[in-house]
Amino acid sequence: MVKNMGTADRVIRAILGVAGIVLGFVLGGLWWIAAGLGVIFLATSTISFCPLYAPFRISTRGKSEA
């Protein structure tokens, strides 16, 4: 598994992940979907790999991060 996420991408996903999890627990109802997406965003941010980027050979890593 080759890392394909840059620092900015990881930070944005981490922020969105935490926000989604908080919304899911605070608001309840169908907001559990936001919490589920939040967990996925945090996981991909942690491992620096987005499975959706791989088939399209997308990488947000800069040359200095390689």
N, C-alpha and C. Protein backbone atom coordinates (compact mmCIF):
# COMPACT_ATOMS: atom_id res chain seq x y z
N MET A 1 0.85 -1.17 0.00
CA MET A 1 0.00 0.00 0.00
C MET A 1 0.90 1.24 0.00
N VAL A 2 0.87 1.96 -1.07
CA VAL A 2 1.67 3.16 -1.23
C VAL A 2 0.88 4.36 -0.73
N LYS A 3 1.51 5.18 0.09
CA LYS A 3 0.82 6.36 0.61
C LYS A 3 0.49 7.30 -0.54
N ASN A 4 -0.75 7.81 -0.55
CA ASN A 4 -1.16 8.70 -1.63
C ASN A 4 -1.85 9.97 -1.14
N MET A 5 -1.65 10.30 0.14
CA MET A 5 -2.27 11.49 0.71
C MET A 5 -1.22 12.43 1.27
N GLY A 6 -1.33 13.70 0.92
CA GLY A 6 -0.41 14.70 1.42
C GLY A 6 -0.85 15.22 2.78
N THR A 7 -0.03 16.09 3.35
CA THR A 7 -0.29 16.62 4.68
C THR A 7 -1.59 17.41 4.75
N ALA A 8 -1.82 18.29 3.80
CA ALA A 8 -3.05 19.10 3.80
C ALA A 8 -4.28 18.21 3.71
N ASP A 9 -4.24 17.22 2.85
CA ASP A 9 -5.35 16.28 2.69
C ASP A 9 -5.61 15.54 4.01
N ARG A 10 -4.56 15.11 4.68
CA ARG A 10 -4.70 14.39 5.94
C ARG A 10 -5.30 15.27 7.03
N VAL A 11 -4.86 16.52 7.11
CA VAL A 11 -5.37 17.43 8.14
C VAL A 11 -6.85 17.72 7.91
N ILE A 12 -7.22 17.99 6.67
CA ILE A 12 -8.63 18.27 6.35
C ILE A 12 -9.50 17.07 6.68
N ARG A 13 -9.04 15.88 6.33
CA ARG A 13 -9.82 14.67 6.62
C ARG A 13 -9.94 14.44 8.12
N ALA A 14 -8.88 14.71 8.87
CA ALA A 14 -8.93 14.53 10.32
C ALA A 14 -9.95 15.48 10.94
N ILE A 15 -9.95 16.73 10.51
CA ILE A 15 -10.90 17.71 11.04
C ILE A 15 -12.34 17.29 10.69
N LEU A 16 -12.57 16.91 9.43
CA LEU A 16 -13.90 16.47 9.02
C LEU A 16 -14.31 15.19 9.76
N GLY A 17 -13.35 14.32 9.99
CA GLY A 17 -13.64 13.08 10.71
C GLY A 17 -14.10 13.33 12.13
N VAL A 18 -13.38 14.17 12.84
CA VAL A 18 -13.77 14.50 14.22
C VAL A 18 -15.12 15.20 14.23
N ALA A 19 -15.33 16.13 13.31
CA ALA A 19 -16.61 16.85 13.24
C ALA A 19 -17.76 15.88 12.96
N GLY A 20 -17.56 14.93 12.06
CA GLY A 20 -18.61 13.96 11.75
C GLY A 20 -18.94 13.07 12.93
N ILE A 21 -17.92 12.64 13.65
CA ILE A 21 -18.16 11.79 14.82
C ILE A 21 -18.91 12.57 15.91
N VAL A 22 -18.50 13.80 16.15
CA VAL A 22 -19.17 14.63 17.16
C VAL A 22 -20.63 14.87 16.76
N LEU A 23 -20.87 15.23 15.51
CA LEU A 23 -22.25 15.44 15.05
C LEU A 23 -23.09 14.18 15.21
N GLY A 24 -22.50 13.05 14.87
CA GLY A 24 -23.22 11.79 14.98
C GLY A 24 -23.66 11.48 16.40
N PHE A 25 -22.79 11.74 17.36
CA PHE A 25 -23.13 11.44 18.75
C PHE A 25 -24.01 12.50 19.38
N VAL A 26 -23.81 13.75 19.01
CA VAL A 26 -24.58 14.83 19.63
C VAL A 26 -26.01 14.89 19.08
N LEU A 27 -26.15 14.79 17.77
CA LEU A 27 -27.47 14.96 17.15
C LEU A 27 -28.28 13.68 17.07
N GLY A 28 -27.62 12.53 17.05
CA GLY A 28 -28.35 11.28 16.98
C GLY A 28 -29.12 11.13 15.68
N GLY A 29 -30.17 10.34 15.71
CA GLY A 29 -30.99 10.12 14.51
C GLY A 29 -30.18 9.56 13.36
N LEU A 30 -30.41 10.10 12.17
CA LEU A 30 -29.68 9.65 10.99
C LEU A 30 -28.27 10.22 10.91
N TRP A 31 -27.88 11.01 11.90
CA TRP A 31 -26.53 11.56 11.90
C TRP A 31 -25.47 10.49 12.16
N TRP A 32 -25.88 9.25 12.44
CA TRP A 32 -24.91 8.17 12.59
C TRP A 32 -24.15 7.96 11.29
N ILE A 33 -24.77 8.36 10.17
CA ILE A 33 -24.08 8.27 8.88
C ILE A 33 -22.88 9.20 8.88
N ALA A 34 -23.04 10.40 9.42
CA ALA A 34 -21.91 11.34 9.53
C ALA A 34 -20.83 10.77 10.43
N ALA A 35 -21.23 10.10 11.50
CA ALA A 35 -20.25 9.49 12.39
C ALA A 35 -19.49 8.37 11.68
N GLY A 36 -20.19 7.59 10.88
CA GLY A 36 -19.53 6.52 10.12
C GLY A 36 -18.52 7.07 9.12
N LEU A 37 -18.91 8.13 8.42
CA LEU A 37 -17.98 8.77 7.49
C LEU A 37 -16.80 9.39 8.24
N GLY A 38 -17.08 9.91 9.42
CA GLY A 38 -16.02 10.48 10.24
C GLY A 38 -14.97 9.45 10.61
N VAL A 39 -15.42 8.26 10.95
CA VAL A 39 -14.49 7.18 11.29
C VAL A 39 -13.65 6.81 10.06
N ILE A 40 -14.27 6.75 8.91
CA ILE A 40 -13.54 6.43 7.67
C ILE A 40 -12.52 7.53 7.37
N PHE A 41 -12.92 8.79 7.51
CA PHE A 41 -11.99 9.90 7.27
C PHE A 41 -10.80 9.85 8.23
N LEU A 42 -11.06 9.56 9.49
CA LEU A 42 -9.96 9.47 10.45
C LEU A 42 -9.03 8.31 10.13
N ALA A 43 -9.60 7.19 9.72
CA ALA A 43 -8.78 6.02 9.40
C ALA A 43 -7.89 6.30 8.19
N THR A 44 -8.45 6.86 7.13
CA THR A 44 -7.64 7.14 5.95
C THR A 44 -6.60 8.22 6.23
N SER A 45 -6.94 9.16 7.09
CA SER A 45 -5.98 10.19 7.47
C SER A 45 -4.82 9.59 8.25
N THR A 46 -5.12 8.65 9.11
CA THR A 46 -4.08 8.02 9.94
C THR A 46 -3.11 7.19 9.12
N ILE A 47 -3.62 6.44 8.15
CA ILE A 47 -2.75 5.56 7.36
C ILE A 47 -2.21 6.22 6.09
N SER A 48 -2.64 7.45 5.81
CA SER A 48 -2.18 8.21 4.63
C SER A 48 -2.47 7.52 3.31
N PHE A 49 -3.55 6.78 3.27
CA PHE A 49 -3.92 6.07 2.05
C PHE A 49 -5.42 6.16 1.84
N CYS A 50 -5.81 6.60 0.65
CA CYS A 50 -7.22 6.67 0.28
C CYS A 50 -7.47 5.62 -0.81
N PRO A 51 -8.28 4.61 -0.52
CA PRO A 51 -8.54 3.56 -1.51
C PRO A 51 -9.24 4.08 -2.76
N LEU A 52 -9.98 5.19 -2.65
CA LEU A 52 -10.65 5.74 -3.83
C LEU A 52 -9.68 6.44 -4.76
N TYR A 53 -8.53 6.89 -4.26
CA TYR A 53 -7.53 7.53 -5.10
C TYR A 53 -6.77 6.50 -5.93
N ALA A 54 -6.58 5.30 -5.41
CA ALA A 54 -5.72 4.29 -6.04
C ALA A 54 -6.11 3.93 -7.48
N PRO A 55 -7.37 3.60 -7.78
CA PRO A 55 -7.71 3.20 -9.15
C PRO A 55 -7.47 4.31 -10.18
N PHE A 56 -7.55 5.56 -9.71
CA PHE A 56 -7.38 6.68 -10.62
C PHE A 56 -5.95 7.25 -10.59
N ARG A 57 -5.10 6.60 -9.80
CA ARG A 57 -3.69 7.01 -9.65
C ARG A 57 -3.57 8.46 -9.22
N ILE A 58 -4.46 8.87 -8.32
CA ILE A 58 -4.42 10.22 -7.76
C ILE A 58 -3.52 10.22 -6.54
N SER A 59 -2.71 11.23 -6.40
CA SER A 59 -1.88 11.40 -5.23
C SER A 59 -1.80 12.87 -4.87
N THR A 60 -2.04 13.19 -3.60
CA THR A 60 -1.94 14.56 -3.16
C THR A 60 -0.61 14.80 -2.44
N ARG A 61 0.25 13.82 -2.46
CA ARG A 61 1.58 13.97 -1.85
C ARG A 61 2.46 14.79 -2.78
N GLY A 62 3.13 15.75 -2.21
CA GLY A 62 4.06 16.56 -2.98
C GLY A 62 5.38 15.82 -3.16
N LYS A 63 6.23 16.34 -4.01
CA LYS A 63 7.53 15.69 -4.25
C LYS A 63 8.38 15.69 -2.99
N SER A 64 8.23 16.71 -2.14
CA SER A 64 9.02 16.75 -0.92
C SER A 64 8.55 15.75 0.12
N GLU A 65 7.31 15.26 -0.01
CA GLU A 65 6.77 14.28 0.94
C GLU A 65 7.05 12.85 0.52
N ALA A 66 7.51 12.65 -0.67
CA ALA A 66 7.70 11.29 -1.20
C ALA A 66 8.83 10.57 -0.58
